[in-house]
PDB file of N, CA and C in Angstrom:
ATOM      1  N   MET A   1       1.625  11.856 -35.279  1.00  0.00           N
ATOM      2  CA  MET A   1       1.530  12.038 -33.937  1.00  0.00           C
ATOM      3  C   MET A   1       0.821  13.102 -33.846  1.00  0.00           C
ATOM      4  N   SER A   2      -0.267  13.047 -32.854  1.00  0.00           N
ATOM      5  CA  SER A   2      -1.207  14.121 -32.654  1.00  0.00           C
ATOM      6  C   SER A   2      -0.376  14.872 -31.451  1.00  0.00           C
ATOM      7  N   SER A   3      -0.760  16.370 -31.384  1.00  0.00           N
ATOM      8  CA  SER A   3      -0.361  17.318 -30.612  1.00  0.00           C
ATOM      9  C   SER A   3      -1.184  17.605 -29.400  1.00  0.00           C
ATOM     10  N   SER A   4      -2.361  16.533 -29.286  1.00  0.00           N
ATOM     11  CA  SER A   4      -3.407  16.803 -28.326  1.00  0.00           C
ATOM     12  C   SER A   4      -2.624  16.322 -27.126  1.00  0.00           C
ATOM     13  N   PRO A   5      -3.028  17.365 -25.916  1.00  0.00           N
ATOM     14  CA  PRO A   5      -2.785  17.047 -24.691  1.00  0.00           C
ATOM     15  C   PRO A   5      -2.845  15.524 -24.271  1.00  0.00           C
ATOM     16  N   SER A   6      -4.013  14.918 -24.515  1.00  0.00           N
ATOM     17  CA  SER A   6      -4.227  13.727 -24.147  1.00  0.00           C
ATOM     18  C   SER A   6      -3.084  12.654 -24.927  1.00  0.00           C
ATOM     19  N   HIS A   7      -2.502  12.922 -25.877  1.00  0.00           N
ATOM     20  CA  HIS A   7      -1.727  11.976 -26.593  1.00  0.00           C
ATOM     21  C   HIS A   7      -0.238  12.458 -26.539  1.00  0.00           C
ATOM     22  N   ILE A   8       0.285  13.194 -25.346  1.00  0.00           N
ATOM     23  CA  ILE A   8       1.658  13.252 -25.009  1.00  0.00           C
ATOM     24  C   ILE A   8       2.271  11.965 -24.880  1.00  0.00           C
ATOM     25  N   PRO A   9       3.619  11.789 -25.460  1.00  0.00           N
ATOM     26  CA  PRO A   9       4.270  10.467 -25.322  1.00  0.00           C
ATOM     27  C   PRO A   9       4.703  10.486 -24.016  1.00  0.00           C
ATOM     28  N   VAL A  10       4.483   9.330 -23.288  1.00  0.00           N
ATOM     29  CA  VAL A  10       5.324   8.981 -22.054  1.00  0.00           C
ATOM     30  C   VAL A  10       5.988   7.947 -21.880  1.00  0.00           C
ATOM     31  N   PHE A  11       7.335   8.069 -21.636  1.00  0.00           N
ATOM     32  CA  PHE A  11       8.302   6.958 -21.563  1.00  0.00           C
ATOM     33  C   PHE A  11       7.746   6.099 -20.237  1.00  0.00           C
ATOM     34  N   ILE A  12       7.684   4.873 -20.368  1.00  0.00           N
ATOM     35  CA  ILE A  12       7.264   3.786 -19.546  1.00  0.00           C
ATOM     36  C   ILE A  12       8.366   2.807 -19.675  1.00  0.00           C
ATOM     37  N   HIS A  13       9.088   2.628 -18.372  1.00  0.00           N
ATOM     38  CA  HIS A  13       9.955   1.766 -18.367  1.00  0.00           C
ATOM     39  C   HIS A  13       9.606   0.071 -18.753  1.00  0.00           C
ATOM     40  N   PRO A  14      10.506  -0.303 -19.331  1.00  0.00           N
ATOM     41  CA  PRO A  14       9.930  -1.904 -19.800  1.00  0.00           C
ATOM     42  C   PRO A  14       9.671  -2.873 -19.161  1.00  0.00           C
ATOM     43  N   ALA A  15       9.999  -2.750 -17.396  1.00  0.00           N
ATOM     44  CA  ALA A  15      10.094  -3.472 -16.680  1.00  0.00           C
ATOM     45  C   ALA A  15       8.222  -3.356 -16.034  1.00  0.00           C
ATOM     46  N   ILE A  16       7.745  -2.326 -16.226  1.00  0.00           N
ATOM     47  CA  ILE A  16       6.548  -2.134 -15.692  1.00  0.00           C
ATOM     48  C   ILE A  16       5.574  -1.828 -16.691  1.00  0.00           C
ATOM     49  N   LYS A  17       6.093  -1.583 -18.061  1.00  0.00           N
ATOM     50  CA  LYS A  17       4.725  -1.246 -18.983  1.00  0.00           C
ATOM     51  C   LYS A  17       3.851  -2.366 -19.391  1.00  0.00           C
ATOM     52  N   ASN A  18       3.883  -3.574 -18.886  1.00  0.00           N
ATOM     53  CA  ASN A  18       2.793  -4.396 -19.027  1.00  0.00           C
ATOM     54  C   ASN A  18       2.041  -4.784 -17.993  1.00  0.00           C
ATOM     55  N   LEU A  19       2.308  -3.927 -16.934  1.00  0.00           N
ATOM     56  CA  LEU A  19       1.714  -4.494 -15.561  1.00  0.00           C
ATOM     57  C   LEU A  19       0.333  -3.992 -15.851  1.00  0.00           C
ATOM     58  N   ASN A  20      -0.725  -4.845 -15.084  1.00  0.00           N
ATOM     59  CA  ASN A  20      -2.184  -4.189 -15.460  1.00  0.00           C
ATOM     60  C   ASN A  20      -2.757  -4.548 -13.959  1.00  0.00           C
ATOM     61  N   VAL A  21      -3.843  -3.824 -13.757  1.00  0.00           N
ATOM     62  CA  VAL A  21      -4.379  -3.810 -12.438  1.00  0.00           C
ATOM     63  C   VAL A  21      -4.406  -5.273 -11.440  1.00  0.00           C
ATOM     64  N   GLY A  22      -4.452  -6.274 -12.115  1.00  0.00           N
ATOM     65  CA  GLY A  22      -4.527  -7.487 -11.852  1.00  0.00           C
ATOM     66  C   GLY A  22      -3.056  -7.804 -11.143  1.00  0.00           C
ATOM     67  N   GLN A  23      -2.116  -7.629 -11.876  1.00  0.00           N
ATOM     68  CA  GLN A  23      -0.761  -7.573 -11.593  1.00  0.00           C
ATOM     69  C   GLN A  23      -0.399  -6.750 -10.415  1.00  0.00           C
ATOM     70  N   ILE A  24      -0.745  -5.380 -10.490  1.00  0.00           N
ATOM     71  CA  ILE A  24      -0.309  -4.521  -9.324  1.00  0.00           C
ATOM     72  C   ILE A  24      -1.004  -4.782  -8.044  1.00  0.00           C
ATOM     73  N   SER A  25      -2.250  -5.605  -8.281  1.00  0.00           N
ATOM     74  CA  SER A  25      -2.750  -5.987  -6.609  1.00  0.00           C
ATOM     75  C   SER A  25      -2.336  -7.315  -6.185  1.00  0.00           C
ATOM     76  N   LYS A  26      -1.688  -7.997  -7.113  1.00  0.00           N
ATOM     77  CA  LYS A  26      -1.021  -9.377  -6.487  1.00  0.00           C
ATOM     78  C   LYS A  26       0.294  -8.505  -5.776  1.00  0.00           C
ATOM     79  N   ILE A  27       0.888  -7.461  -6.219  1.00  0.00           N
ATOM     80  CA  ILE A  27       2.108  -7.212  -5.842  1.00  0.00           C
ATOM     81  C   ILE A  27       1.721  -6.403  -4.342  1.00  0.00           C
ATOM     82  N   ILE A  28       0.484  -5.576  -4.447  1.00  0.00           N
ATOM     83  CA  ILE A  28       0.051  -5.211  -3.037  1.00  0.00           C
ATOM     84  C   ILE A  28      -0.159  -6.250  -2.107  1.00  0.00           C
ATOM     85  N   ALA A  29      -0.962  -7.297  -2.565  1.00  0.00           N
ATOM     86  CA  ALA A  29      -1.283  -8.215  -1.465  1.00  0.00           C
ATOM     87  C   ALA A  29      -0.094  -8.809  -1.002  1.00  0.00           C
ATOM     88  N   SER A  30       0.957  -9.364  -1.641  1.00  0.00           N
ATOM     89  CA  SER A  30       2.279  -9.504  -1.078  1.00  0.00           C
ATOM     90  C   SER A  30       2.851  -8.799  -0.056  1.00  0.00           C
ATOM     91  N   LYS A  31       3.046  -7.383  -0.440  1.00  0.00           N
ATOM     92  CA  LYS A  31       3.489  -6.512   0.370  1.00  0.00           C
ATOM     93  C   LYS A  31       2.562  -6.267   1.936  1.00  0.00           C
ATOM     94  N   ILE A  32       1.040  -6.572   1.653  1.00  0.00           N
ATOM     95  CA  ILE A  32       0.444  -6.521   2.842  1.00  0.00           C
ATOM     96  C   ILE A  32       0.874  -7.674   3.654  1.00  0.00           C
ATOM     97  N   ILE A  33       0.769  -8.809   2.963  1.00  0.00           N
ATOM     98  CA  ILE A  33       1.479  -9.952   3.747  1.00  0.00           C
ATOM     99  C   ILE A  33       2.725 -10.010   4.394  1.00  0.00           C
ATOM    100  N   GLU A  34       3.283  -9.322   3.500  1.00  0.00           N
ATOM    101  CA  GLU A  34       4.691  -9.212   4.458  1.00  0.00           C
ATOM    102  C   GLU A  34       4.668  -8.126   5.533  1.00  0.00           C
ATOM    103  N   THR A  35       4.257  -6.749   5.356  1.00  0.00           N
ATOM    104  CA  THR A  35       4.064  -5.984   6.319  1.00  0.00           C
ATOM    105  C   THR A  35       3.342  -6.534   7.518  1.00  0.00           C
ATOM    106  N   THR A  36       2.314  -7.152   7.387  1.00  0.00           N
ATOM    107  CA  THR A  36       1.459  -7.529   8.719  1.00  0.00           C
ATOM    108  C   THR A  36       1.863  -8.942   9.379  1.00  0.00           C
ATOM    109  N   ALA A  37       2.968  -9.606   8.555  1.00  0.00           N
ATOM    110  CA  ALA A  37       3.663 -10.915   9.243  1.00  0.00           C
ATOM    111  C   ALA A  37       2.419 -11.840   9.190  1.00  0.00           C
ATOM    112  N   LEU A  38       1.187 -11.856   8.153  1.00  0.00           N
ATOM    113  CA  LEU A  38       0.094 -12.564   8.137  1.00  0.00           C
ATOM    114  C   LEU A  38       0.645 -13.963   8.072  1.00  0.00           C
ATOM    115  N   GLN A  39       0.070 -14.968   8.828  1.00  0.00           N
ATOM    116  CA  GLN A  39       0.391 -16.632   8.828  1.00  0.00           C
ATOM    117  C   GLN A  39      -0.629 -16.951   7.707  1.00  0.00           C
ATOM    118  N   ILE A  40      -0.085 -18.171   7.211  1.00  0.00           N
ATOM    119  CA  ILE A  40      -0.986 -18.845   6.357  1.00  0.00           C
ATOM    120  C   ILE A  40      -1.921 -19.836   7.222  1.00  0.00           C
ATOM    121  N   GLN A  41      -3.172 -19.596   7.016  1.00  0.00           N
ATOM    122  CA  GLN A  41      -4.216 -20.602   7.907  1.00  0.00           C
ATOM    123  C   GLN A  41      -5.584 -20.347   7.192  1.00  0.00           C
ATOM    124  N   PHE A  42      -6.333 -21.386   7.485  1.00  0.00           N
ATOM    125  CA  PHE A  42      -7.701 -21.173   6.992  1.00  0.00           C
ATOM    126  C   PHE A  42      -8.620 -20.370   8.205  1.00  0.00           C
ATOM    127  N   SER A  43      -9.124 -19.677   8.052  1.00  0.00           N
ATOM    128  CA  SER A  43      -9.941 -18.567   8.860  1.00  0.00           C
ATOM    129  C   SER A  43     -11.236 -18.062   8.296  1.00  0.00           C
ATOM    130  N   HIS A  44     -12.455 -18.879   8.639  1.00  0.00           N
ATOM    131  CA  HIS A  44     -13.717 -18.392   7.831  1.00  0.00           C
ATOM    132  C   HIS A  44     -14.072 -16.888   8.282  1.00  0.00           C
ATOM    133  N   SER A  45     -13.729 -16.410   9.718  1.00  0.00           N
ATOM    134  CA  SER A  45     -13.801 -15.055  10.206  1.00  0.00           C
ATOM    135  C   SER A  45     -13.021 -13.822   9.380  1.00  0.00           C
ATOM    136  N   PHE A  46     -11.997 -14.374   9.173  1.00  0.00           N
ATOM    137  CA  PHE A  46     -10.854 -13.564   8.455  1.00  0.00           C
ATOM    138  C   PHE A  46     -11.559 -13.520   6.944  1.00  0.00           C
ATOM    139  N   CYS A  47     -11.728 -14.193   6.485  1.00  0.00           N
ATOM    140  CA  CYS A  47     -12.677 -14.063   5.090  1.00  0.00           C
ATOM    141  C   CYS A  47     -13.860 -13.607   4.863  1.00  0.00           C
ATOM    142  N   GLN A  48     -14.605 -13.742   6.383  1.00  0.00           N
ATOM    143  CA  GLN A  48     -15.713 -12.744   6.296  1.00  0.00           C
ATOM    144  C   GLN A  48     -15.277 -10.956   6.655  1.00  0.00           C
ATOM    145  N   GLN A  49     -14.465 -10.907   7.304  1.00  0.00           N
ATOM    146  CA  GLN A  49     -14.018  -9.680   7.534  1.00  0.00           C
ATOM    147  C   GLN A  49     -13.581  -9.025   6.243  1.00  0.00           C
ATOM    148  N   LEU A  50     -13.194  -9.779   5.302  1.00  0.00           N
ATOM    149  CA  LEU A  50     -12.418  -8.959   4.067  1.00  0.00           C
ATOM    150  C   LEU A  50     -13.538  -9.098   2.801  1.00  0.00           C
ATOM    151  N   GLY A  51     -14.490 -10.086   3.367  1.00  0.00           N
ATOM    152  CA  GLY A  51     -15.584 -10.051   2.305  1.00  0.00           C
ATOM    153  C   GLY A  51     -15.392 -11.031   0.879  1.00  0.00           C
ATOM    154  N   VAL A  52     -14.826 -12.181   1.334  1.00  0.00           N
ATOM    155  CA  VAL A  52     -14.248 -12.983   0.514  1.00  0.00           C
ATOM    156  C   VAL A  52     -14.892 -14.254   0.704  1.00  0.00           C
ATOM    157  N   ALA A  53     -14.725 -15.085  -0.267  1.00  0.00           N
ATOM    158  CA  ALA A  53     -15.131 -16.619  -0.174  1.00  0.00           C
ATOM    159  C   ALA A  53     -14.638 -17.336   1.082  1.00  0.00           C
ATOM    160  N   GLU A  54     -15.291 -18.143   2.009  1.00  0.00           N
ATOM    161  CA  GLU A  54     -14.768 -18.143   3.312  1.00  0.00           C
ATOM    162  C   GLU A  54     -13.840 -19.548   3.194  1.00  0.00           C
ATOM    163  N   HIS A  55     -13.839 -20.170   2.043  1.00  0.00           N
ATOM    164  CA  HIS A  55     -12.911 -21.551   1.857  1.00  0.00           C
ATOM    165  C   HIS A  55     -11.529 -21.218   1.394  1.00  0.00           C
ATOM    166  N   LEU A  56     -11.044 -19.879   1.510  1.00  0.00           N
ATOM    167  CA  LEU A  56      -9.900 -19.437   1.025  1.00  0.00           C
ATOM    168  C   LEU A  56      -8.698 -19.468   2.406  1.00  0.00           C
ATOM    169  N   ASN A  57      -7.537 -19.795   2.173  1.00  0.00           N
ATOM    170  CA  ASN A  57      -6.807 -19.505   3.142  1.00  0.00           C
ATOM    171  C   ASN A  57      -6.013 -17.889   3.288  1.00  0.00           C
ATOM    172  N   THR A  58      -5.586 -17.677   4.170  1.00  0.00           N
ATOM    173  CA  THR A  58      -5.404 -16.004   4.773  1.00  0.00           C
ATOM    174  C   THR A  58      -4.873 -15.420   3.349  1.00  0.00           C
ATOM    175  N   TYR A  59      -3.617 -16.020   2.769  1.00  0.00           N
ATOM    176  CA  TYR A  59      -2.905 -15.297   1.925  1.00  0.00           C
ATOM    177  C   TYR A  59      -3.772 -15.185   0.441  1.00  0.00           C
ATOM    178  N   GLN A  60      -4.569 -16.367   0.289  1.00  0.00           N
ATOM    179  CA  GLN A  60      -5.508 -16.240  -1.043  1.00  0.00           C
ATOM    180  C   GLN A  60      -6.712 -15.078  -0.505  1.00  0.00           C
ATOM    181  N   ALA A  61      -6.932 -15.053   0.429  1.00  0.00           N
ATOM    182  CA  ALA A  61      -8.046 -14.115   0.934  1.00  0.00           C
ATOM    183  C   ALA A  61      -7.707 -12.368   0.681  1.00  0.00           C
ATOM    184  N   VAL A  62      -6.267 -12.423   1.245  1.00  0.00           N
ATOM    185  CA  VAL A  62      -5.625 -11.082   1.098  1.00  0.00           C
ATOM    186  C   VAL A  62      -5.844 -10.625  -0.771  1.00  0.00           C
ATOM    187  N   ALA A  63      -5.244 -11.742  -1.183  1.00  0.00           N
ATOM    188  CA  ALA A  63      -5.026 -11.368  -2.798  1.00  0.00           C
ATOM    189  C   ALA A  63      -6.423 -11.311  -3.359  1.00  0.00           C
ATOM    190  N   TYR A  64      -7.535 -11.901  -2.951  1.00  0.00           N
ATOM    191  CA  TYR A  64      -8.932 -11.731  -3.751  1.00  0.00           C
ATOM    192  C   TYR A  64      -9.406 -10.324  -3.258  1.00  0.00           C
ATOM    193  N   PHE A  65      -9.274  -9.957  -1.839  1.00  0.00           N
ATOM    194  CA  PHE A  65      -9.550  -8.684  -1.461  1.00  0.00           C
ATOM    195  C   PHE A  65      -8.931  -7.473  -2.144  1.00  0.00           C
ATOM    196  N   THR A  66      -7.504  -7.662  -1.885  1.00  0.00           N
ATOM    197  CA  THR A  66      -6.670  -6.377  -2.873  1.00  0.00           C
ATOM    198  C   THR A  66      -7.339  -6.460  -4.228  1.00  0.00           C
ATOM    199  N   ASP A  67      -7.524  -7.579  -4.913  1.00  0.00           N
ATOM    200  CA  ASP A  67      -7.817  -7.503  -6.297  1.00  0.00           C
ATOM    201  C   ASP A  67      -8.979  -6.958  -6.524  1.00  0.00           C
ATOM    202  N   ASN A  68     -10.004  -7.006  -5.764  1.00  0.00           N
ATOM    203  CA  ASN A  68     -11.468  -6.813  -5.599  1.00  0.00           C
ATOM    204  C   ASN A  68     -11.473  -5.028  -5.509  1.00  0.00           C
ATOM    205  N   ARG A  69     -10.646  -4.675  -4.516  1.00  0.00           N
ATOM    206  CA  ARG A  69     -10.627  -3.152  -4.339  1.00  0.00           C
ATOM    207  C   ARG A  69      -9.788  -2.726  -5.363  1.00  0.00           C
ATOM    208  N   SER A  70      -8.690  -2.938  -6.222  1.00  0.00           N
ATOM    209  CA  SER A  70      -8.044  -2.548  -6.951  1.00  0.00           C
ATOM    210  C   SER A  70      -9.173  -2.251  -8.197  1.00  0.00           C
ATOM    211  N   PHE A  71      -9.722  -3.485  -8.509  1.00  0.00           N
ATOM    212  CA  PHE A  71     -10.806  -3.005  -9.883  1.00  0.00           C
ATOM    213  C   PHE A  71     -11.959  -2.236  -9.384  1.00  0.00           C
ATOM    214  N   GLU A  72     -12.513  -2.035  -8.206  1.00  0.00           N
ATOM    215  CA  GLU A  72     -13.414  -1.267  -8.036  1.00  0.00           C
ATOM    216  C   GLU A  72     -12.929   0.068  -7.973  1.00  0.00           C
ATOM    217  N   LYS A  73     -11.741   0.346  -7.730  1.00  0.00           N
ATOM    218  CA  LYS A  73     -11.214   1.800  -7.819  1.00  0.00           C
ATOM    219  C   LYS A  73     -10.666   2.247  -8.958  1.00  0.00           C
ATOM    220  N   TYR A  74      -9.944   1.291  -9.546  1.00  0.00           N
ATOM    221  CA  TYR A  74      -9.120   1.818 -10.754  1.00  0.00           C
ATOM    222  C   TYR A  74      -9.591   1.091 -11.925  1.00  0.00           C
ATOM    223  N   GLY A  75     -10.251  -0.110 -11.972  1.00  0.00           N
ATOM    224  CA  GLY A  75     -10.810  -0.846 -13.107  1.00  0.00           C
ATOM    225  C   GLY A  75      -9.965  -0.648 -14.484  1.00  0.00           C
ATOM    226  N   PHE A  76     -10.554  -0.744 -15.546  1.00  0.00           N
ATOM    227  CA  PHE A  76     -10.228  -0.776 -16.685  1.00  0.00           C
ATOM    228  C   PHE A  76     -10.028   0.836 -17.609  1.00  0.00           C
ATOM    229  N   ASN A  77     -10.873   1.773 -16.687  1.00  0.00           N
ATOM    230  CA  ASN A  77     -10.720   3.239 -17.076  1.00  0.00           C
ATOM    231  C   ASN A  77     -10.085   3.949 -16.616  1.00  0.00           C
ATOM    232  N   GLN A  78      -8.870   3.791 -16.172  1.00  0.00           N
ATOM    233  CA  GLN A  78      -7.931   4.609 -15.647  1.00  0.00           C
ATOM    234  C   GLN A  78      -7.293   5.671 -16.753  1.00  0.00           C
ATOM    235  N   SER A  79      -7.784   6.711 -16.585  1.00  0.00           N
ATOM    236  CA  SER A  79      -7.071   7.599 -17.498  1.00  0.00           C
ATOM    237  C   SER A  79      -5.871   8.394 -17.231  1.00  0.00           C
ATOM    238  N   GLU A  80      -5.227   7.976 -15.970  1.00  0.00           N
ATOM    239  CA  GLU A  80      -3.705   8.711 -15.766  1.00  0.00           C
ATOM    240  C   GLU A  80      -3.078   7.729 -14.813  1.00  0.00           C
ATOM    241  N   LEU A  81      -1.824   8.006 -14.847  1.00  0.00           N
ATOM    242  CA  LEU A  81      -1.048   7.179 -14.178  1.00  0.00           C
ATOM    243  C   LEU A  81      -1.042   6.902 -12.632  1.00  0.00           C
ATOM    244  N   ILE A  82      -1.013   6.118 -12.137  1.00  0.00           N
ATOM    245  CA  ILE A  82      -1.190   5.740 -10.497  1.00  0.00           C
ATOM    246  C   ILE A  82      -0.261   5.554  -9.812  1.00  0.00           C
ATOM    247  N   LYS A  83      -0.033   6.061  -8.740  1.00  0.00           N
ATOM    248  CA  LYS A  83       1.289   5.964  -7.757  1.00  0.00           C
ATOM    249  C   LYS A  83       1.101   4.661  -7.041  1.00  0.00           C
ATOM    250  N   PHE A  84       2.042   3.756  -6.999  1.00  0.00           N
ATOM    251  CA  PHE A  84       1.833   2.775  -6.471  1.00  0.00           C
ATOM    252  C   PHE A  84       1.672   2.989  -4.977  1.00  0.00           C
ATOM    253  N   HIS A  85       2.593   3.569  -4.089  1.00  0.00           N
ATOM    254  CA  HIS A  85       2.633   3.750  -2.696  1.00  0.00           C
ATOM    255  C   HIS A  85       1.134   4.247  -2.475  1.00  0.00           C
ATOM    256  N   GLU A  86       0.518   5.266  -3.165  1.00  0.00           N
ATOM    257  CA  GLU A  86      -0.763   5.669  -2.890  1.00  0.00           C
ATOM    258  C   GLU A  86      -1.724   4.402  -2.760  1.00  0.00           C
ATOM    259  N   VAL A  87      -1.758   3.673  -3.797  1.00  0.00           N
ATOM    260  CA  VAL A  87      -2.798   2.752  -4.002  1.00  0.00           C
ATOM    261  C   VAL A  87      -2.472   1.631  -2.681  1.00  0.00           C
ATOM    262  N   TYR A  88      -1.279   1.438  -2.730  1.00  0.00           N
ATOM    263  CA  TYR A  88      -0.689   0.514  -1.394  1.00  0.00           C
ATOM    264  C   TYR A  88      -1.351   0.900  -0.044  1.00  0.00           C
ATOM    265  N   GLU A  89      -1.090   2.160   0.161  1.00  0.00           N
ATOM    266  CA  GLU A  89      -1.537   2.896   1.313  1.00  0.00           C
ATOM    267  C   GLU A  89      -2.990   2.929   1.732  1.00  0.00           C
ATOM    268  N   GLU A  90      -3.883   2.997   0.485  1.00  0.00           N
ATOM    269  CA  GLU A  90      -5.011   3.326   0.474  1.00  0.00           C
ATOM    270  C   GLU A  90      -5.979   1.812   0.796  1.00  0.00           C
ATOM    271  N   ILE A  91      -5.352   0.488  -0.023  1.00  0.00           N
ATOM    272  CA  ILE A  91      -5.687  -0.751   0.366  1.00  0.00           C
ATOM    273  C   ILE A  91      -5.306  -1.201   1.834  1.00  0.00           C
ATOM    274  N   LEU A  92      -4.177  -0.946   2.290  1.00  0.00           N
ATOM    275  CA  LEU A  92      -3.658  -1.582   3.453  1.00  0.00           C
ATOM    276  C   LEU A  92      -4.488  -0.786   4.618  1.00  0.00           C
ATOM    277  N   ALA A  93      -5.009   0.519   4.473  1.00  0.00           N
ATOM    278  CA  ALA A  93      -5.602   1.127   5.404  1.00  0.00           C
ATOM    279  C   ALA A  93      -7.090   0.420   5.529  1.00  0.00           C
ATOM    280  N   GLU A  94      -7.451   0.216   4.273  1.00  0.00           N
ATOM    281  CA  GLU A  94      -8.901  -0.562   4.344  1.00  0.00           C
ATOM    282  C   GLU A  94      -8.790  -1.814   5.145  1.00  0.00           C
ATOM    283  N   PHE A  95      -7.578  -2.519   4.409  1.00  0.00           N
ATOM    284  CA  PHE A  95      -7.305  -3.792   5.325  1.00  0.00           C
ATOM    285  C   PHE A  95      -7.456  -3.696   6.691  1.00  0.00           C
ATOM    286  N   ASN A  96      -6.787  -3.029   7.149  1.00  0.00           N
ATOM    287  CA  ASN A  96      -6.699  -2.704   8.716  1.00  0.00           C
ATOM    288  C   ASN A  96      -7.948  -2.453   9.319  1.00  0.00           C
ATOM    289  N   SER A  97      -8.712  -1.878   8.584  1.00  0.00           N
ATOM    290  CA  SER A  97     -10.035  -0.908   9.288  1.00  0.00           C
ATOM    291  C   SER A  97     -10.999  -2.230   9.377  1.00  0.00           C
ATOM    292  N   ARG A  98     -10.617  -3.094   8.611  1.00  0.00           N
ATOM    293  CA  ARG A  98     -11.622  -4.523   8.487  1.00  0.00           C
ATOM    294  C   ARG A  98     -11.323  -5.673   9.328  1.00  0.00           C
ATOM    295  N   VAL A  99     -10.188  -5.906   9.390  1.00  0.00           N
ATOM    296  CA  VAL A  99      -9.426  -7.048  10.068  1.00  0.00           C
ATOM    297  C   VAL A  99      -8.884  -6.915  11.369  1.00  0.00           C
ATOM    298  N   SER A 100      -9.270  -7.730  12.331  1.00  0.00           N
ATOM    299  CA  SER A 100      -8.524  -7.604  13.580  1.00  0.00           C
ATOM    300  C   SER A 100      -7.713  -8.996  13.681  1.00  0.00           C
ATOM    301  N   TYR A 101      -6.755  -9.027  12.836  1.00  0.00           N
ATOM    302  CA  TYR A 101      -5.776 -10.293  12.935  1.00  0.00           C
ATOM    303  C   TYR A 101      -4.755  -9.792  13.961  1.00  0.00           C
ATOM    304  N   GLN A 102      -4.498 -11.046  14.513  1.00  0.00           N
ATOM    305  CA  GLN A 102      -3.484 -11.241  15.576  1.00  0.00           C
ATOM    306  C   GLN A 102      -2.235 -12.103  15.223  1.00  0.00           C
ATOM    307  N   LYS A 103      -1.196 -11.158  15.104  1.00  0.00           N
ATOM    308  CA  LYS A 103       0.092 -11.895  14.790  1.00  0.00           C
ATOM    309  C   LYS A 103       0.595 -12.893  15.595  1.00  0.00           C
ATOM    310  N   THR A 104       0.964 -14.150  15.127  1.00  0.00           N
ATOM    311  CA  THR A 104       1.662 -15.338  16.225  1.00  0.00           C
ATOM    312  C   THR A 104       2.869 -15.446  15.508  1.00  0.00           C
ATOM    313  N   VAL A 105       3.656 -15.926  16.365  1.00  0.00           N
ATOM    314  CA  VAL A 105       5.062 -15.840  16.157  1.00  0.00           C
ATOM    315  C   VAL A 105       5.153 -17.456  16.316  1.00  0.00           C
TER     316      VAL A 105
END
């Protein structure tokens, strides 16, 4: 075992050790949908605001949006642990700045 600082053993809980950026972005997308009370519907303008394909429904659009943002920022080259709440807050803030979505009850 190496004593190099880059090889310090870190215990990762078994429930999360196999999470990758794609899985984390899906969790974030679900949380954004829940937080914003987003309704499922087809909306070309909503998709345009998020910069995703226009044939997607709102849930799919949020999933693609979060996936794109996650990979742009963290990709495969992440050399340190990331904090879920920080990633979520960053992506939610970007989502809110791009979208003018009206809640419907």
